[in-house]
Amino acid sequence: MSKKRKAISIVIVIAIIGGFYFYFIQKNKEYLAINTFQECVNAGYGIMETYPERCRAGAHIFINGDQKALDTPVTIAPVGKESLIKVDDIQENQLIKSPLVINGSAIGTWYFEASFPIELLDGNGKQIFAGPVQAKGDWMTTDFVPFSVVVTFDRPFTSKGTLILHKNNPSGEPSRDDSLVIPVRFI
């Protein structure tokens, strides 16, 4: 290969790397300019099918009605939470009916005083069930602790809903909040 071709190849590689670098710098500036849910939506990022609605811009997630970004990402399906909480019986968009038996396990730090809250919402975000989930074992551990709960509810008028298993957070600090959000469908 001649020196001229090598030089041209090096210039092309540098231009490609420079283009990628410039693109990612611009994207990062765009993410930093977004501070609210509405700004996220206006920038063209999609709205997640959760309740309340969420919009993700890069690593930041904004909640509809909340003007602050969450410090930690929110997962809208079981994927990504396997190291914290596992639900054995319910899959995303599964058809459910009352009474609904939910079995699974969560790490001990998901519980407080051996329980954590759970809620079931209809498609309009109206709460149709709320209650505690009790640990079936010693929760003072970092290992997984099994749980089981029976959820009874009146069938809502909407065909879709959301099952939310909240990490128990007695401190009330938003940075310690976490939840497993599972979209469901009603029979």
Protein backbone atom coordinates (compact mmCIF):
# COMPACT_ATOMS: atom_id res chain seq x y z
CA MET A 1 0.00 0.00 0.00
CA SER A 2 1.40 3.36 -0.93
CA LYS A 3 2.04 6.16 1.55
CA LYS A 4 -0.68 8.23 -0.09
CA ARG A 5 -3.32 5.51 0.44
CA LYS A 6 -2.24 5.00 4.07
CA ALA A 7 -2.55 8.72 4.70
CA ILE A 8 -6.01 8.82 3.12
CA SER A 9 -7.11 5.79 5.18
CA ILE A 10 -5.87 7.42 8.39
CA VAL A 11 -7.70 10.67 7.55
CA ILE A 12 -10.93 8.74 6.88
CA VAL A 13 -10.65 6.81 10.17
CA ILE A 14 -9.98 10.03 12.09
CA ALA A 15 -12.97 11.70 10.40
CA ILE A 16 -15.26 8.79 11.32
CA ILE A 17 -14.05 8.77 14.94
CA GLY A 18 -14.42 12.56 15.08
CA GLY A 19 -17.96 12.30 13.71
CA PHE A 20 -18.97 9.77 16.36
CA TYR A 21 -17.35 11.87 19.08
CA PHE A 22 -19.18 15.03 17.91
CA TYR A 23 -22.50 13.13 17.71
CA PHE A 24 -22.21 11.78 21.27
CA ILE A 25 -21.14 15.17 22.66
CA GLN A 26 -24.21 16.75 21.05
CA LYS A 27 -26.49 13.99 22.40
CA ASN A 28 -25.07 14.48 25.90
CA LYS A 29 -25.73 18.24 25.68
CA GLU A 30 -29.29 17.48 24.54
CA TYR A 31 -29.87 15.15 27.51
CA LEU A 32 -28.49 17.74 29.95
CA ALA A 33 -30.86 20.39 28.56
CA ILE A 34 -33.92 18.27 29.46
CA ASN A 35 -35.24 18.88 32.97
CA THR A 36 -38.94 17.95 32.92
CA PHE A 37 -41.29 15.28 31.61
CA GLN A 38 -42.76 17.69 29.04
CA GLU A 39 -39.31 18.75 27.76
CA CYS A 40 -38.46 15.06 27.34
CA VAL A 41 -41.63 14.46 25.30
CA ASN A 42 -41.09 17.65 23.26
CA ALA A 43 -37.55 16.48 22.43
CA GLY A 44 -39.08 13.44 20.74
CA TYR A 45 -38.45 10.74 23.33
CA GLY A 46 -41.25 8.24 23.72
CA ILE A 47 -43.65 7.92 26.62
CA MET A 48 -43.42 4.62 28.49
CA GLU A 49 -46.65 2.69 28.99
CA THR A 50 -46.58 2.95 32.78
CA TYR A 51 -48.58 4.72 35.43
CA PRO A 52 -47.68 7.41 36.01
CA GLU A 53 -46.30 8.01 32.53
CA ARG A 54 -42.52 8.19 32.21
CA CYS A 55 -40.19 9.55 29.54
CA ARG A 56 -36.54 8.46 29.23
CA ALA A 57 -33.81 10.78 27.91
CA GLY A 58 -30.54 8.92 28.04
CA ALA A 59 -29.99 7.72 31.61
CA HIS A 60 -32.62 10.10 33.02
CA ILE A 61 -36.27 9.19 33.52
CA PHE A 62 -38.91 11.87 34.04
CA ILE A 63 -42.31 11.17 35.58
CA ASN A 64 -45.42 12.96 34.30
CA GLY A 65 -46.36 15.51 36.94
CA ASP A 66 -42.93 15.44 38.60
CA GLN A 67 -40.42 18.11 37.60
CA LYS A 68 -37.32 16.17 38.72
CA ALA A 69 -35.44 13.32 37.08
CA LEU A 70 -35.23 10.08 39.00
CA ASP A 71 -31.82 9.31 40.42
CA THR A 72 -32.18 5.64 39.57
CA PRO A 73 -33.66 4.10 36.43
CA VAL A 74 -37.16 2.67 36.67
CA THR A 75 -37.80 -0.66 35.02
CA ILE A 76 -41.22 -1.14 33.46
CA ALA A 77 -41.00 -4.89 33.21
CA PRO A 78 -39.32 -7.69 35.12
CA VAL A 79 -36.26 -7.48 32.85
CA GLY A 80 -33.38 -5.91 34.76
CA LYS A 81 -34.74 -6.49 38.27
CA GLU A 82 -33.75 -10.17 38.49
CA SER A 83 -31.06 -9.38 41.05
CA LEU A 84 -33.62 -7.63 43.32
CA ILE A 85 -37.06 -9.20 42.90
CA LYS A 86 -38.54 -12.10 40.95
CA VAL A 87 -42.21 -12.84 40.26
CA ASP A 88 -42.88 -16.45 39.35
CA ASP A 89 -46.51 -16.33 38.20
CA ILE A 90 -47.03 -13.08 36.29
CA GLN A 91 -45.56 -12.18 32.91
CA GLU A 92 -45.78 -8.85 31.10
CA ASN A 93 -49.26 -8.32 29.55
CA GLN A 94 -50.58 -11.55 31.06
CA LEU A 95 -54.34 -11.99 31.40
CA ILE A 96 -55.31 -11.92 35.09
CA LYS A 97 -58.47 -12.25 37.17
CA SER A 98 -59.44 -12.15 40.83
CA PRO A 99 -58.31 -13.79 43.03
CA LEU A 100 -54.77 -13.43 41.75
CA VAL A 101 -52.05 -15.43 43.51
CA ILE A 102 -48.58 -13.94 43.21
CA ASN A 103 -45.52 -15.94 44.26
CA GLY A 104 -41.93 -14.85 44.03
CA SER A 105 -38.89 -13.78 45.99
CA ALA A 106 -37.09 -10.52 46.74
CA ILE A 107 -33.80 -9.70 48.38
CA GLY A 108 -34.09 -8.90 52.07
CA THR A 109 -33.44 -5.19 51.53
CA TRP A 110 -36.63 -4.97 49.40
CA TYR A 111 -38.59 -5.59 52.61
CA PHE A 112 -38.94 -3.55 55.79
CA GLU A 113 -40.35 -5.25 58.87
CA ALA A 114 -40.84 -8.34 56.65
CA SER A 115 -43.20 -6.67 54.15
CA PHE A 116 -43.41 -4.43 51.11
CA PRO A 117 -46.38 -2.71 49.44
CA ILE A 118 -48.12 -3.88 46.29
CA GLU A 119 -50.80 -2.19 44.23
CA LEU A 120 -52.91 -2.98 41.20
CA LEU A 121 -54.09 -0.12 38.98
CA ASP A 122 -56.66 -0.10 36.19
CA GLY A 123 -55.88 1.38 32.77
CA ASN A 124 -56.78 4.88 34.00
CA GLY A 125 -54.40 4.67 36.94
CA LYS A 126 -57.17 4.10 39.49
CA GLN A 127 -56.05 1.89 42.36
CA ILE A 128 -58.15 -1.28 42.54
CA PHE A 129 -56.01 -3.07 45.12
CA ALA A 130 -53.36 -2.03 47.64
CA GLY A 131 -51.87 -4.06 50.41
CA PRO A 132 -48.73 -5.53 51.94
CA VAL A 133 -46.78 -8.55 50.82
CA GLN A 134 -45.35 -10.59 53.70
CA ALA A 135 -41.99 -12.36 53.63
CA LYS A 136 -42.10 -16.13 54.10
CA GLY A 137 -38.82 -16.30 55.96
CA ASP A 138 -36.15 -14.23 57.64
CA TRP A 139 -36.02 -10.91 55.76
CA MET A 140 -32.92 -9.63 57.61
CA THR A 141 -30.60 -10.88 54.88
CA THR A 142 -29.20 -9.87 51.52
CA ASP A 143 -30.33 -13.21 50.06
CA PHE A 144 -33.64 -13.82 48.31
CA VAL A 145 -36.63 -14.28 50.60
CA PRO A 146 -39.81 -15.91 49.20
CA PHE A 147 -43.21 -14.21 49.30
CA SER A 148 -46.78 -15.07 48.37
CA VAL A 149 -49.85 -12.86 48.28
CA VAL A 150 -53.47 -13.23 47.17
CA VAL A 151 -54.85 -10.14 45.45
CA THR A 152 -58.63 -9.83 45.27
CA PHE A 153 -60.24 -7.09 43.21
CA ASP A 154 -63.34 -6.18 41.25
CA ARG A 155 -62.79 -6.40 37.51
CA PRO A 156 -62.28 -2.85 36.22
CA PHE A 157 -63.89 -1.39 33.10
CA THR A 158 -60.50 -1.05 31.40
CA SER A 159 -58.90 -4.03 29.69
CA LYS A 160 -55.34 -3.11 30.72
CA GLY A 161 -53.75 -2.33 34.05
CA THR A 162 -50.53 -2.27 36.01
CA LEU A 163 -49.23 -4.40 38.85
CA ILE A 164 -46.63 -2.57 40.96
CA LEU A 165 -44.46 -4.19 43.61
CA HIS A 166 -42.83 -1.35 45.55
CA LYS A 167 -39.62 -1.61 47.52
CA ASN A 168 -40.47 -0.75 51.11
CA ASN A 169 -38.89 2.64 51.80
CA PRO A 170 -39.60 3.80 55.36
CA SER A 171 -37.11 6.67 54.96
CA GLY A 172 -39.30 8.37 52.35
CA GLU A 173 -36.18 9.43 50.45
CA PRO A 174 -36.91 9.35 46.68
CA SER A 175 -33.38 8.12 45.92
CA ARG A 176 -34.21 4.91 47.82
CA ASP A 177 -37.47 4.24 45.96
CA ASP A 178 -37.66 1.33 43.57
CA SER A 179 -40.42 -0.75 42.09
CA LEU A 180 -41.17 -3.56 39.72
CA VAL A 181 -43.90 -2.46 37.29
CA ILE A 182 -45.66 -5.15 35.28
CA PRO A 183 -48.31 -4.29 32.66
CA VAL A 184 -51.26 -6.72 32.83
CA ARG A 185 -54.56 -7.33 31.06
CA PHE A 186 -57.85 -8.19 32.75
CA ILE A 187 -60.08 -11.14 31.81
